[in-house]
């Protein structure tokens, strides 16, 4: 039978590794908004992006933002801040390029 000290160290190490993986994912996931912004700018159109979807996602992020900004959970806080600001960029460019390229 393993000693209680060994189990505490093992659990702490596993939790630390899980938090590191979560932090990497919390940083990486919002970065996928950047290629979307670039594509909208290059095509000078956001017609292929649902306005209701973009507004719905942005509204939910806005409503979740206060929770993320004050959270003690580093992974949630980092994800929330990055995703809110990067998706806000998506929202801005979706609105700017809504009508497509100008003649």
N, C-alpha and C. Protein backbone atom coordinates (compact mmCIF):
# COMPACT_ATOMS: atom_id res chain seq x y z
N UNK A 1 0.85 -1.17 0.00
CA UNK A 1 0.00 0.00 0.00
C UNK A 1 0.90 1.24 0.00
N UNK A 2 0.58 2.20 -0.86
CA UNK A 2 1.38 3.40 -0.98
C UNK A 2 1.18 4.30 0.24
N UNK A 3 2.25 5.01 0.57
CA UNK A 3 2.15 5.91 1.72
C UNK A 3 1.30 7.14 1.35
N UNK A 4 0.65 7.76 2.34
CA UNK A 4 -0.17 8.94 2.07
C UNK A 4 0.63 10.09 1.45
N UNK A 5 1.90 10.22 1.83
CA UNK A 5 2.73 11.28 1.28
C UNK A 5 2.94 11.08 -0.21
N UNK A 6 3.21 9.84 -0.62
CA UNK A 6 3.42 9.55 -2.03
C UNK A 6 2.16 9.88 -2.83
N UNK A 7 1.00 9.51 -2.32
CA UNK A 7 -0.25 9.77 -3.03
C UNK A 7 -0.49 11.26 -3.19
N UNK A 8 -0.20 12.06 -2.16
CA UNK A 8 -0.39 13.50 -2.24
C UNK A 8 0.51 14.11 -3.30
N UNK A 9 1.76 13.66 -3.36
CA UNK A 9 2.71 14.17 -4.34
C UNK A 9 2.25 13.78 -5.74
N UNK A 10 1.83 12.54 -5.91
CA UNK A 10 1.39 12.05 -7.20
C UNK A 10 0.17 12.82 -7.69
N UNK A 11 -0.81 13.04 -6.83
CA UNK A 11 -2.02 13.77 -7.19
C UNK A 11 -1.68 15.22 -7.51
N UNK A 12 -0.77 15.82 -6.73
CA UNK A 12 -0.38 17.21 -6.97
C UNK A 12 0.33 17.34 -8.31
N UNK A 13 1.20 16.39 -8.63
CA UNK A 13 1.91 16.41 -9.91
C UNK A 13 0.94 16.24 -11.07
N UNK A 14 -0.03 15.33 -10.92
CA UNK A 14 -1.03 15.12 -11.97
C UNK A 14 -1.88 16.37 -12.16
N UNK A 15 -2.29 17.00 -11.07
CA UNK A 15 -3.09 18.22 -11.15
C UNK A 15 -2.30 19.33 -11.81
N UNK A 16 -1.03 19.43 -11.48
CA UNK A 16 -0.17 20.45 -12.07
C UNK A 16 -0.05 20.24 -13.58
N UNK A 17 0.11 19.01 -13.99
CA UNK A 17 0.23 18.70 -15.42
C UNK A 17 -1.09 19.00 -16.13
N UNK A 18 -2.20 18.66 -15.52
CA UNK A 18 -3.51 18.94 -16.10
C UNK A 18 -3.72 20.44 -16.25
N UNK A 19 -3.30 21.21 -15.25
CA UNK A 19 -3.43 22.67 -15.33
C UNK A 19 -2.55 23.24 -16.44
N UNK A 20 -1.36 22.71 -16.61
CA UNK A 20 -0.47 23.18 -17.68
C UNK A 20 -1.07 22.88 -19.05
N UNK A 21 -1.62 21.68 -19.22
CA UNK A 21 -2.26 21.32 -20.48
C UNK A 21 -3.46 22.24 -20.73
N UNK A 22 -4.24 22.47 -19.68
CA UNK A 22 -5.39 23.36 -19.80
C UNK A 22 -4.99 24.77 -20.16
N UNK A 23 -3.89 25.25 -19.59
CA UNK A 23 -3.41 26.60 -19.88
C UNK A 23 -2.95 26.72 -21.33
N UNK A 24 -2.27 25.70 -21.83
CA UNK A 24 -1.84 25.70 -23.23
C UNK A 24 -3.08 25.74 -24.14
N UNK A 25 -4.07 24.94 -23.83
CA UNK A 25 -5.30 24.93 -24.62
C UNK A 25 -6.04 26.26 -24.50
N UNK A 26 -6.05 26.86 -23.31
CA UNK A 26 -6.73 28.14 -23.11
C UNK A 26 -6.09 29.25 -23.92
N UNK A 27 -4.80 29.13 -24.18
CA UNK A 27 -4.10 30.12 -25.02
C UNK A 27 -4.29 29.78 -26.49
N UNK A 28 -4.20 28.50 -26.84
CA UNK A 28 -4.26 28.08 -28.24
C UNK A 28 -5.64 28.24 -28.87
N UNK A 29 -6.68 27.89 -28.16
CA UNK A 29 -8.02 27.90 -28.75
C UNK A 29 -8.44 29.27 -29.26
N UNK A 30 -8.31 30.34 -28.49
CA UNK A 30 -8.71 31.66 -29.01
C UNK A 30 -7.86 32.13 -30.19
N UNK A 31 -6.64 31.61 -30.32
CA UNK A 31 -5.78 32.03 -31.42
C UNK A 31 -6.35 31.62 -32.78
N UNK A 32 -7.28 30.65 -32.80
CA UNK A 32 -7.91 30.24 -34.05
C UNK A 32 -8.82 31.33 -34.60
N UNK A 33 -9.09 32.38 -33.82
CA UNK A 33 -9.85 33.51 -34.34
C UNK A 33 -9.02 34.34 -35.31
N UNK A 34 -7.71 34.30 -35.18
CA UNK A 34 -6.83 35.12 -36.02
C UNK A 34 -6.93 34.72 -37.50
N UNK A 35 -6.84 33.43 -37.87
CA UNK A 35 -7.01 33.08 -39.29
C UNK A 35 -8.38 33.49 -39.84
N UNK A 36 -9.40 33.45 -39.00
CA UNK A 36 -10.72 33.87 -39.44
C UNK A 36 -10.73 35.37 -39.76
N UNK A 37 -10.12 36.16 -38.90
CA UNK A 37 -10.01 37.61 -39.14
C UNK A 37 -9.22 37.87 -40.43
N UNK A 38 -8.11 37.17 -40.59
CA UNK A 38 -7.28 37.35 -41.79
C UNK A 38 -8.06 37.00 -43.04
N UNK A 39 -8.82 35.90 -43.00
CA UNK A 39 -9.61 35.49 -44.17
C UNK A 39 -10.66 36.53 -44.53
N UNK A 40 -11.31 37.08 -43.52
CA UNK A 40 -12.33 38.12 -43.77
C UNK A 40 -11.68 39.33 -44.43
N UNK A 41 -10.52 39.74 -43.94
CA UNK A 41 -9.83 40.91 -44.49
C UNK A 41 -9.37 40.64 -45.92
N UNK A 42 -8.78 39.48 -46.16
CA UNK A 42 -8.28 39.15 -47.49
C UNK A 42 -9.41 39.09 -48.52
N UNK A 43 -10.54 38.51 -48.13
CA UNK A 43 -11.67 38.38 -49.05
C UNK A 43 -12.52 39.65 -49.10
N UNK A 44 -12.29 40.54 -48.14
CA UNK A 44 -13.08 41.77 -48.01
C UNK A 44 -14.57 41.47 -47.94
N UNK A 45 -14.88 40.33 -47.29
CA UNK A 45 -16.28 39.94 -47.16
C UNK A 45 -16.44 39.02 -45.95
N UNK A 46 -17.58 39.16 -45.27
CA UNK A 46 -17.92 38.24 -44.19
C UNK A 46 -19.29 37.62 -44.45
N UNK A 47 -19.69 37.60 -45.73
CA UNK A 47 -21.01 37.08 -46.08
C UNK A 47 -21.17 35.60 -45.73
N UNK A 48 -20.08 34.85 -45.70
CA UNK A 48 -20.17 33.42 -45.39
C UNK A 48 -20.25 33.15 -43.89
N UNK A 49 -20.24 34.18 -43.07
CA UNK A 49 -20.33 34.02 -41.62
C UNK A 49 -21.69 34.53 -41.16
N UNK A 50 -22.41 33.68 -40.46
CA UNK A 50 -23.74 34.04 -39.97
C UNK A 50 -23.64 35.18 -38.96
N UNK A 51 -24.34 36.27 -39.24
CA UNK A 51 -24.33 37.41 -38.33
C UNK A 51 -24.98 37.04 -37.00
N UNK A 52 -26.05 36.25 -37.04
CA UNK A 52 -26.70 35.85 -35.78
C UNK A 52 -25.78 34.95 -34.96
N UNK A 53 -25.02 34.08 -35.62
CA UNK A 53 -24.06 33.23 -34.90
C UNK A 53 -22.99 34.09 -34.23
N UNK A 54 -22.40 35.00 -35.00
CA UNK A 54 -21.33 35.84 -34.47
C UNK A 54 -21.83 36.71 -33.32
N UNK A 55 -22.99 37.30 -33.47
CA UNK A 55 -23.55 38.12 -32.38
C UNK A 55 -23.91 37.27 -31.17
N UNK A 56 -24.42 36.07 -31.42
CA UNK A 56 -24.76 35.17 -30.31
C UNK A 56 -23.53 34.75 -29.51
N UNK A 57 -22.47 34.36 -30.21
CA UNK A 57 -21.23 33.96 -29.54
C UNK A 57 -20.65 35.15 -28.78
N UNK A 58 -20.60 36.32 -29.43
CA UNK A 58 -20.02 37.50 -28.79
C UNK A 58 -20.83 37.92 -27.57
N UNK A 59 -22.16 37.84 -27.65
CA UNK A 59 -23.01 38.19 -26.51
C UNK A 59 -22.75 37.24 -25.34
N UNK A 60 -22.64 35.95 -25.61
CA UNK A 60 -22.35 34.99 -24.54
C UNK A 60 -20.98 35.26 -23.92
N UNK A 61 -20.00 35.57 -24.76
CA UNK A 61 -18.67 35.89 -24.23
C UNK A 61 -18.72 37.15 -23.36
N UNK A 62 -19.49 38.13 -23.80
CA UNK A 62 -19.65 39.36 -23.03
C UNK A 62 -20.28 39.08 -21.67
N UNK A 63 -21.29 38.21 -21.65
CA UNK A 63 -21.97 37.88 -20.39
C UNK A 63 -21.10 37.03 -19.47
N UNK A 64 -20.20 36.22 -20.05
CA UNK A 64 -19.30 35.39 -19.24
C UNK A 64 -18.06 36.16 -18.78
N UNK A 65 -17.75 37.26 -19.44
CA UNK A 65 -16.51 38.00 -19.18
C UNK A 65 -16.32 38.39 -17.71
N UNK A 66 -17.32 38.94 -17.02
CA UNK A 66 -17.08 39.31 -15.62
C UNK A 66 -16.64 38.12 -14.76
N UNK A 67 -17.24 36.96 -15.01
CA UNK A 67 -16.85 35.75 -14.27
C UNK A 67 -15.39 35.39 -14.54
N UNK A 68 -15.00 35.45 -15.80
CA UNK A 68 -13.63 35.10 -16.17
C UNK A 68 -12.61 36.10 -15.69
N UNK A 69 -12.96 37.38 -15.72
CA UNK A 69 -12.01 38.41 -15.33
C UNK A 69 -11.67 38.36 -13.84
N UNK A 70 -12.59 37.90 -13.00
CA UNK A 70 -12.34 37.88 -11.55
C UNK A 70 -12.05 36.48 -11.01
N UNK A 71 -12.07 35.48 -11.87
CA UNK A 71 -11.88 34.10 -11.43
C UNK A 71 -10.47 33.87 -10.87
N UNK A 72 -10.39 33.04 -9.87
CA UNK A 72 -9.09 32.63 -9.32
C UNK A 72 -8.46 31.53 -10.16
N UNK A 73 -9.27 30.89 -11.01
CA UNK A 73 -8.79 29.82 -11.88
C UNK A 73 -8.04 30.43 -13.06
N UNK A 74 -6.74 30.25 -13.10
CA UNK A 74 -5.89 30.85 -14.12
C UNK A 74 -6.31 30.42 -15.52
N UNK A 75 -6.61 29.15 -15.70
CA UNK A 75 -6.96 28.65 -17.03
C UNK A 75 -8.23 29.35 -17.54
N UNK A 76 -9.26 29.43 -16.72
CA UNK A 76 -10.51 30.08 -17.11
C UNK A 76 -10.27 31.58 -17.38
N UNK A 77 -9.50 32.22 -16.53
CA UNK A 77 -9.25 33.66 -16.68
C UNK A 77 -8.50 33.94 -17.98
N UNK A 78 -7.44 33.20 -18.26
CA UNK A 78 -6.65 33.40 -19.48
C UNK A 78 -7.52 33.14 -20.72
N UNK A 79 -8.25 32.03 -20.71
CA UNK A 79 -9.11 31.71 -21.85
C UNK A 79 -10.14 32.81 -22.07
N UNK A 80 -10.77 33.25 -20.99
CA UNK A 80 -11.83 34.23 -21.09
C UNK A 80 -11.32 35.55 -21.64
N UNK A 81 -10.20 36.03 -21.14
CA UNK A 81 -9.65 37.31 -21.59
C UNK A 81 -9.24 37.22 -23.06
N UNK A 82 -8.45 36.20 -23.41
CA UNK A 82 -8.00 36.07 -24.80
C UNK A 82 -9.17 35.88 -25.76
N UNK A 83 -10.08 35.00 -25.42
CA UNK A 83 -11.19 34.72 -26.31
C UNK A 83 -12.11 35.93 -26.46
N UNK A 84 -12.35 36.66 -25.38
CA UNK A 84 -13.21 37.83 -25.47
C UNK A 84 -12.60 38.87 -26.42
N UNK A 85 -11.32 39.16 -26.26
CA UNK A 85 -10.71 40.20 -27.08
C UNK A 85 -10.52 39.74 -28.53
N UNK A 86 -10.10 38.51 -28.74
CA UNK A 86 -9.91 38.05 -30.12
C UNK A 86 -11.24 37.87 -30.84
N UNK A 87 -12.26 37.34 -30.16
CA UNK A 87 -13.55 37.20 -30.84
C UNK A 87 -14.21 38.56 -31.03
N UNK A 88 -13.91 39.53 -30.18
CA UNK A 88 -14.39 40.88 -30.41
C UNK A 88 -13.82 41.41 -31.73
N UNK A 89 -12.58 41.05 -32.02
CA UNK A 89 -11.97 41.40 -33.31
C UNK A 89 -12.72 40.75 -34.46
N UNK A 90 -13.07 39.48 -34.30
CA UNK A 90 -13.87 38.79 -35.32
C UNK A 90 -15.18 39.56 -35.54
N UNK A 91 -15.83 39.91 -34.45
CA UNK A 91 -17.11 40.60 -34.53
C UNK A 91 -16.97 41.94 -35.26
N UNK A 92 -15.93 42.69 -34.95
CA UNK A 92 -15.70 43.98 -35.61
C UNK A 92 -15.54 43.79 -37.12
N UNK A 93 -14.71 42.82 -37.52
CA UNK A 93 -14.47 42.62 -38.95
C UNK A 93 -15.68 42.00 -39.66
N UNK A 94 -16.45 41.19 -38.97
CA UNK A 94 -17.70 40.68 -39.55
C UNK A 94 -18.62 41.85 -39.86
N UNK A 95 -18.72 42.79 -38.96
CA UNK A 95 -19.59 43.95 -39.18
C UNK A 95 -19.04 44.89 -40.25
N UNK A 96 -17.73 45.13 -40.23
CA UNK A 96 -17.12 46.03 -41.22
C UNK A 96 -17.29 45.49 -42.64
N UNK A 97 -17.05 44.19 -42.81
CA UNK A 97 -17.07 43.58 -44.14
C UNK A 97 -18.39 42.87 -44.44
N UNK A 98 -19.45 43.23 -43.77
CA UNK A 98 -20.73 42.54 -43.93
C UNK A 98 -21.26 42.61 -45.36
N UNK A 99 -21.11 43.72 -46.03
CA UNK A 99 -21.69 43.90 -47.37
C UNK A 99 -20.78 43.37 -48.48
N UNK A 100 -19.62 42.89 -48.13
CA UNK A 100 -18.72 42.36 -49.14
C UNK A 100 -17.87 43.47 -49.76
N UNK A 101 -17.10 43.12 -50.79
CA UNK A 101 -16.21 44.11 -51.40
C UNK A 101 -17.01 45.24 -52.05
N UNK A 102 -16.48 46.42 -51.91
CA UNK A 102 -17.13 47.59 -52.50
C UNK A 102 -16.73 47.71 -53.96
N UNK A 103 -17.69 48.04 -54.82
CA UNK A 103 -17.37 48.14 -56.27
C UNK A 103 -16.48 49.32 -56.59
